[in-house]
Amino acid sequence: MSSRSRTDILKSQYLKNIIKDNLPIFNELDGVTYLLFLQWLPYNLHVYDAFVEYARQLVNTQNRNRYSAGAVWQRLRWDTMIQQTPGGTKDAEYNRDVDDPTDERRKLNDRYVAFLSRLVMLENPELYGVFLTRAKKTKGKAFSFWKTLGTDEQYHPKPFIT
């Protein structure tokens, strides 16, 4: 596993600060996955960058106001399986399930799409509103988790994009 550069560490902290400063946008999602995403992100900035690149390509080539974050994610998955690209690596071992989020061979799990798409729209104003977002149905898990982080229990988050 390669060591992370100072630039990657600073970018990772910058992105985490964006999340922290906009926590109500994320608190409609599953809290456990939120923690996993925060662990995953610093080691997968190349995936984040590729997601942004592909989203910009969509905006520049399509005459649509919205697009599917899932479609961008699936393109990244394809890239990681088939070819060496900014979003992936051609490594036969890459697709094995790994519990360690710091393992660079970790496969791209769908559970991060909601977090990644929100973060991309927050950091890139030209992409704001490109992806439609919804709250996850977590049967109370999200509420109790966010309450422990100090989110006001009277707060009822509005949809990120209406």
C-alpha atoms as a PDB file:
ATOM      1  CA  MET A   1       0.000   0.000   0.000  1.00  0.00           C
ATOM      2  CA  SER A   2       1.437   3.364  -0.934  1.00  0.00           C
ATOM      3  CA  SER A   3       1.751   6.101   1.641  1.00  0.00           C
ATOM      4  CA  ARG A   4      -0.518   9.088   1.306  1.00  0.00           C
ATOM      5  CA  SER A   5       1.008  12.404   0.274  1.00  0.00           C
ATOM      6  CA  ARG A   6       0.664  15.587   2.274  1.00  0.00           C
ATOM      7  CA  THR A   7      -1.626  16.915  -0.470  1.00  0.00           C
ATOM      8  CA  ASP A   8      -3.925  13.891  -0.105  1.00  0.00           C
ATOM      9  CA  ILE A   9      -4.033  14.311   3.665  1.00  0.00           C
ATOM     10  CA  LEU A  10      -4.911  18.004   3.335  1.00  0.00           C
ATOM     11  CA  LYS A  11      -7.561  17.298   0.696  1.00  0.00           C
ATOM     12  CA  SER A  12      -9.041  14.556   2.843  1.00  0.00           C
ATOM     13  CA  GLN A  13      -9.269  16.912   5.821  1.00  0.00           C
ATOM     14  CA  TYR A  14     -10.765  19.626   3.605  1.00  0.00           C
ATOM     15  CA  LEU A  15     -13.487  17.233   2.373  1.00  0.00           C
ATOM     16  CA  LYS A  16     -14.213  16.033   5.915  1.00  0.00           C
ATOM     17  CA  ASN A  17     -14.612  19.674   6.992  1.00  0.00           C
ATOM     18  CA  ILE A  18     -17.144  20.204   4.195  1.00  0.00           C
ATOM     19  CA  ILE A  19     -19.119  17.258   5.570  1.00  0.00           C
ATOM     20  CA  LYS A  20     -18.841  18.531   9.150  1.00  0.00           C
ATOM     21  CA  ASP A  21     -19.963  22.034   8.132  1.00  0.00           C
ATOM     22  CA  ASN A  22     -22.986  20.597   6.287  1.00  0.00           C
ATOM     23  CA  LEU A  23     -23.917  17.791   8.667  1.00  0.00           C
ATOM     24  CA  PRO A  24     -27.712  18.273   8.338  1.00  0.00           C
ATOM     25  CA  ILE A  25     -27.442  17.275   4.669  1.00  0.00           C
ATOM     26  CA  PHE A  26     -25.897  13.958   5.673  1.00  0.00           C
ATOM     27  CA  ASN A  27     -27.965  13.215   8.785  1.00  0.00           C
ATOM     28  CA  GLU A  28     -30.814  11.728   6.766  1.00  0.00           C
ATOM     29  CA  LEU A  29     -28.471   8.860   5.891  1.00  0.00           C
ATOM     30  CA  ASP A  30     -27.342   5.858   7.896  1.00  0.00           C
ATOM     31  CA  GLY A  31     -24.958   6.841  10.689  1.00  0.00           C
ATOM     32  CA  VAL A  32     -22.908   3.640  10.668  1.00  0.00           C
ATOM     33  CA  THR A  33     -22.248   3.979   6.936  1.00  0.00           C
ATOM     34  CA  TYR A  34     -21.308   7.620   7.571  1.00  0.00           C
ATOM     35  CA  LEU A  35     -18.494   6.496   9.870  1.00  0.00           C
ATOM     36  CA  LEU A  36     -17.338   3.881   7.343  1.00  0.00           C
ATOM     37  CA  PHE A  37     -17.406   6.512   4.584  1.00  0.00           C
ATOM     38  CA  LEU A  38     -15.209   8.846   6.651  1.00  0.00           C
ATOM     39  CA  GLN A  39     -12.690   6.011   7.016  1.00  0.00           C
ATOM     40  CA  TRP A  40     -12.908   5.045   3.341  1.00  0.00           C
ATOM     41  CA  LEU A  41     -12.598   8.525   1.814  1.00  0.00           C
ATOM     42  CA  PRO A  42      -8.950   9.400   2.648  1.00  0.00           C
ATOM     43  CA  TYR A  43      -7.720   6.209   0.990  1.00  0.00           C
ATOM     44  CA  ASN A  44      -9.930   6.599  -2.074  1.00  0.00           C
ATOM     45  CA  LEU A  45      -9.439  10.193  -3.154  1.00  0.00           C
ATOM     46  CA  HIS A  46      -8.700   8.877  -6.651  1.00  0.00           C
ATOM     47  CA  VAL A  47     -12.263   7.512  -6.717  1.00  0.00           C
ATOM     48  CA  TYR A  48     -13.623  10.854  -5.509  1.00  0.00           C
ATOM     49  CA  ASP A  49     -11.637  12.703  -8.209  1.00  0.00           C
ATOM     50  CA  ALA A  50     -12.814  10.310 -10.930  1.00  0.00           C
ATOM     51  CA  PHE A  51     -16.434  10.689  -9.757  1.00  0.00           C
ATOM     52  CA  VAL A  52     -16.102  14.487 -10.080  1.00  0.00           C
ATOM     53  CA  GLU A  53     -14.462  14.155 -13.504  1.00  0.00           C
ATOM     54  CA  TYR A  54     -17.206  11.852 -14.822  1.00  0.00           C
ATOM     55  CA  ALA A  55     -19.952  14.071 -13.378  1.00  0.00           C
ATOM     56  CA  ARG A  56     -18.447  17.094 -15.130  1.00  0.00           C
ATOM     57  CA  GLN A  57     -18.330  15.134 -18.386  1.00  0.00           C
ATOM     58  CA  LEU A  58     -22.049  14.431 -18.033  1.00  0.00           C
ATOM     59  CA  VAL A  59     -22.887  18.065 -17.411  1.00  0.00           C
ATOM     60  CA  ASN A  60     -20.813  19.157 -20.401  1.00  0.00           C
ATOM     61  CA  THR A  61     -22.159  16.569 -22.844  1.00  0.00           C
ATOM     62  CA  GLN A  62     -25.803  16.004 -21.855  1.00  0.00           C
ATOM     63  CA  ASN A  63     -28.734  18.399 -22.173  1.00  0.00           C
ATOM     64  CA  ARG A  64     -30.166  17.354 -18.834  1.00  0.00           C
ATOM     65  CA  ASN A  65     -30.390  19.053 -15.460  1.00  0.00           C
ATOM     66  CA  ARG A  66     -30.139  15.839 -13.439  1.00  0.00           C
ATOM     67  CA  TYR A  67     -28.319  12.591 -13.734  1.00  0.00           C
ATOM     68  CA  SER A  68     -27.937   9.396 -11.762  1.00  0.00           C
ATOM     69  CA  ALA A  69     -25.092   9.272  -9.240  1.00  0.00           C
ATOM     70  CA  GLY A  70     -25.512   5.507  -9.419  1.00  0.00           C
ATOM     71  CA  ALA A  71     -24.671   5.556 -13.136  1.00  0.00           C
ATOM     72  CA  VAL A  72     -21.437   7.447 -12.445  1.00  0.00           C
ATOM     73  CA  TRP A  73     -20.637   4.954  -9.673  1.00  0.00           C
ATOM     74  CA  GLN A  74     -21.258   2.008 -12.000  1.00  0.00           C
ATOM     75  CA  ARG A  75     -18.853   3.508 -14.529  1.00  0.00           C
ATOM     76  CA  LEU A  76     -16.235   3.692 -11.776  1.00  0.00           C
ATOM     77  CA  ARG A  77     -16.931   0.052 -10.932  1.00  0.00           C
ATOM     78  CA  TRP A  78     -16.500  -0.898 -14.576  1.00  0.00           C
ATOM     79  CA  ASP A  79     -13.214   0.986 -14.706  1.00  0.00           C
ATOM     80  CA  THR A  80     -11.902  -0.792 -11.635  1.00  0.00           C
ATOM     81  CA  MET A  81     -12.749  -4.200 -13.078  1.00  0.00           C
ATOM     82  CA  ILE A  82     -11.653  -3.732 -16.688  1.00  0.00           C
ATOM     83  CA  GLN A  83      -9.033  -1.057 -17.111  1.00  0.00           C
ATOM     84  CA  GLN A  84      -6.552   1.123 -15.339  1.00  0.00           C
ATOM     85  CA  THR A  85      -8.118   4.583 -14.958  1.00  0.00           C
ATOM     86  CA  PRO A  86      -8.261   7.393 -12.397  1.00  0.00           C
ATOM     87  CA  GLY A  87     -11.098   5.465 -10.768  1.00  0.00           C
ATOM     88  CA  GLY A  88      -9.490   2.088 -10.565  1.00  0.00           C
ATOM     89  CA  THR A  89      -6.658  -0.313 -11.005  1.00  0.00           C
ATOM     90  CA  LYS A  90      -6.217  -3.442 -13.077  1.00  0.00           C
ATOM     91  CA  ASP A  91      -5.416  -5.756 -10.196  1.00  0.00           C
ATOM     92  CA  ALA A  92      -6.839  -9.280 -10.082  1.00  0.00           C
ATOM     93  CA  GLU A  93      -7.032  -9.055  -6.304  1.00  0.00           C
ATOM     94  CA  TYR A  94      -8.881  -5.713  -6.336  1.00  0.00           C
ATOM     95  CA  ASN A  95     -12.385  -7.148  -6.290  1.00  0.00           C
ATOM     96  CA  ARG A  96     -12.023  -9.353  -3.261  1.00  0.00           C
ATOM     97  CA  ASP A  97     -14.056  -8.354  -0.231  1.00  0.00           C
ATOM     98  CA  VAL A  98     -11.902  -6.632   2.325  1.00  0.00           C
ATOM     99  CA  ASP A  99     -13.091  -5.481   5.733  1.00  0.00           C
ATOM    100  CA  ASP A 100     -10.271  -2.983   6.137  1.00  0.00           C
ATOM    101  CA  PRO A 101     -11.338   0.384   4.612  1.00  0.00           C
ATOM    102  CA  THR A 102      -7.680   1.402   4.356  1.00  0.00           C
ATOM    103  CA  ASP A 103      -6.952  -1.418   1.901  1.00  0.00           C
ATOM    104  CA  GLU A 104      -6.496   0.217  -1.506  1.00  0.00           C
ATOM    105  CA  ARG A 105      -7.855  -2.910  -3.207  1.00  0.00           C
ATOM    106  CA  ARG A 106     -11.259  -2.439  -1.552  1.00  0.00           C
ATOM    107  CA  LYS A 107     -14.096  -2.908  -3.994  1.00  0.00           C
ATOM    108  CA  LEU A 108     -16.475  -0.023  -4.643  1.00  0.00           C
ATOM    109  CA  ASN A 109     -19.490  -0.552  -2.428  1.00  0.00           C
ATOM    110  CA  ASP A 110     -22.841   1.033  -3.346  1.00  0.00           C
ATOM    111  CA  ARG A 111     -23.407   2.197   0.216  1.00  0.00           C
ATOM    112  CA  TYR A 112     -21.106   5.193  -0.351  1.00  0.00           C
ATOM    113  CA  VAL A 113     -22.904   6.654  -3.391  1.00  0.00           C
ATOM    114  CA  ALA A 114     -25.313   8.799  -1.355  1.00  0.00           C
ATOM    115  CA  PHE A 115     -22.488  10.295   0.688  1.00  0.00           C
ATOM    116  CA  LEU A 116     -20.170  10.789  -2.270  1.00  0.00           C
ATOM    117  CA  SER A 117     -22.789  12.467  -4.471  1.00  0.00           C
ATOM    118  CA  ARG A 118     -23.719  14.934  -1.705  1.00  0.00           C
ATOM    119  CA  LEU A 119     -20.064  15.729  -1.042  1.00  0.00           C
ATOM    120  CA  VAL A 120     -19.328  16.221  -4.756  1.00  0.00           C
ATOM    121  CA  MET A 121     -22.233  18.667  -5.099  1.00  0.00           C
ATOM    122  CA  LEU A 122     -21.155  20.601  -2.012  1.00  0.00           C
ATOM    123  CA  GLU A 123     -17.546  20.970  -3.123  1.00  0.00           C
ATOM    124  CA  ASN A 124     -18.298  21.682  -6.790  1.00  0.00           C
ATOM    125  CA  PRO A 125     -20.894  24.455  -7.227  1.00  0.00           C
ATOM    126  CA  GLU A 126     -21.225  23.730 -10.957  1.00  0.00           C
ATOM    127  CA  LEU A 127     -22.486  20.250 -10.031  1.00  0.00           C
ATOM    128  CA  TYR A 128     -24.911  21.361  -7.326  1.00  0.00           C
ATOM    129  CA  GLY A 129     -28.315  19.808  -8.014  1.00  0.00           C
ATOM    130  CA  VAL A 130     -27.097  17.419 -10.721  1.00  0.00           C
ATOM    131  CA  PHE A 131     -27.886  14.383  -8.569  1.00  0.00           C
ATOM    132  CA  LEU A 132     -31.278  13.857  -6.996  1.00  0.00           C
ATOM    133  CA  THR A 133     -30.968  12.844  -3.356  1.00  0.00           C
ATOM    134  CA  ARG A 134     -33.336  11.146  -0.934  1.00  0.00           C
ATOM    135  CA  ALA A 135     -33.263  10.096   2.675  1.00  0.00           C
ATOM    136  CA  LYS A 136     -32.436   6.464   3.368  1.00  0.00           C
ATOM    137  CA  LYS A 137     -35.037   4.327   5.124  1.00  0.00           C
ATOM    138  CA  THR A 138     -33.117   3.231   8.207  1.00  0.00           C
ATOM    139  CA  LYS A 139     -35.953   2.538  10.673  1.00  0.00           C
ATOM    140  CA  GLY A 140     -34.707   4.936  13.343  1.00  0.00           C
ATOM    141  CA  LYS A 141     -31.015   3.984  13.203  1.00  0.00           C
ATOM    142  CA  ALA A 142     -30.039   7.275  11.592  1.00  0.00           C
ATOM    143  CA  PHE A 143     -31.960   9.401  14.087  1.00  0.00           C
ATOM    144  CA  SER A 144     -30.480   7.744  17.155  1.00  0.00           C
ATOM    145  CA  PHE A 145     -26.961   7.905  15.699  1.00  0.00           C
ATOM    146  CA  TRP A 146     -27.141  11.585  14.787  1.00  0.00           C
ATOM    147  CA  LYS A 147     -28.688  12.388  18.170  1.00  0.00           C
ATOM    148  CA  THR A 148     -25.511  11.062  19.794  1.00  0.00           C
ATOM    149  CA  LEU A 149     -23.504  13.515  17.678  1.00  0.00           C
ATOM    150  CA  GLY A 150     -25.496  16.369  19.187  1.00  0.00           C
ATOM    151  CA  THR A 151     -27.973  16.993  16.362  1.00  0.00           C
ATOM    152  CA  ASP A 152     -31.051  18.742  17.752  1.00  0.00           C
ATOM    153  CA  GLU A 153     -33.743  16.103  18.225  1.00  0.00           C
ATOM    154  CA  GLN A 154     -36.375  18.576  17.014  1.00  0.00           C
ATOM    155  CA  TYR A 155     -34.537  18.957  13.700  1.00  0.00           C
ATOM    156  CA  HIS A 156     -36.255  17.375  10.736  1.00  0.00           C
ATOM    157  CA  PRO A 157     -33.928  17.626   7.755  1.00  0.00           C
ATOM    158  CA  LYS A 158     -35.282  19.024   4.531  1.00  0.00           C
ATOM    159  CA  PRO A 159     -34.393  17.206   1.322  1.00  0.00           C
ATOM    160  CA  PHE A 160     -31.029  18.347   0.012  1.00  0.00           C
ATOM    161  CA  ILE A 161     -32.344  18.887  -3.503  1.00  0.00           C
ATOM    162  CA  THR A 162     -36.013  19.633  -4.053  1.00  0.00           C
END
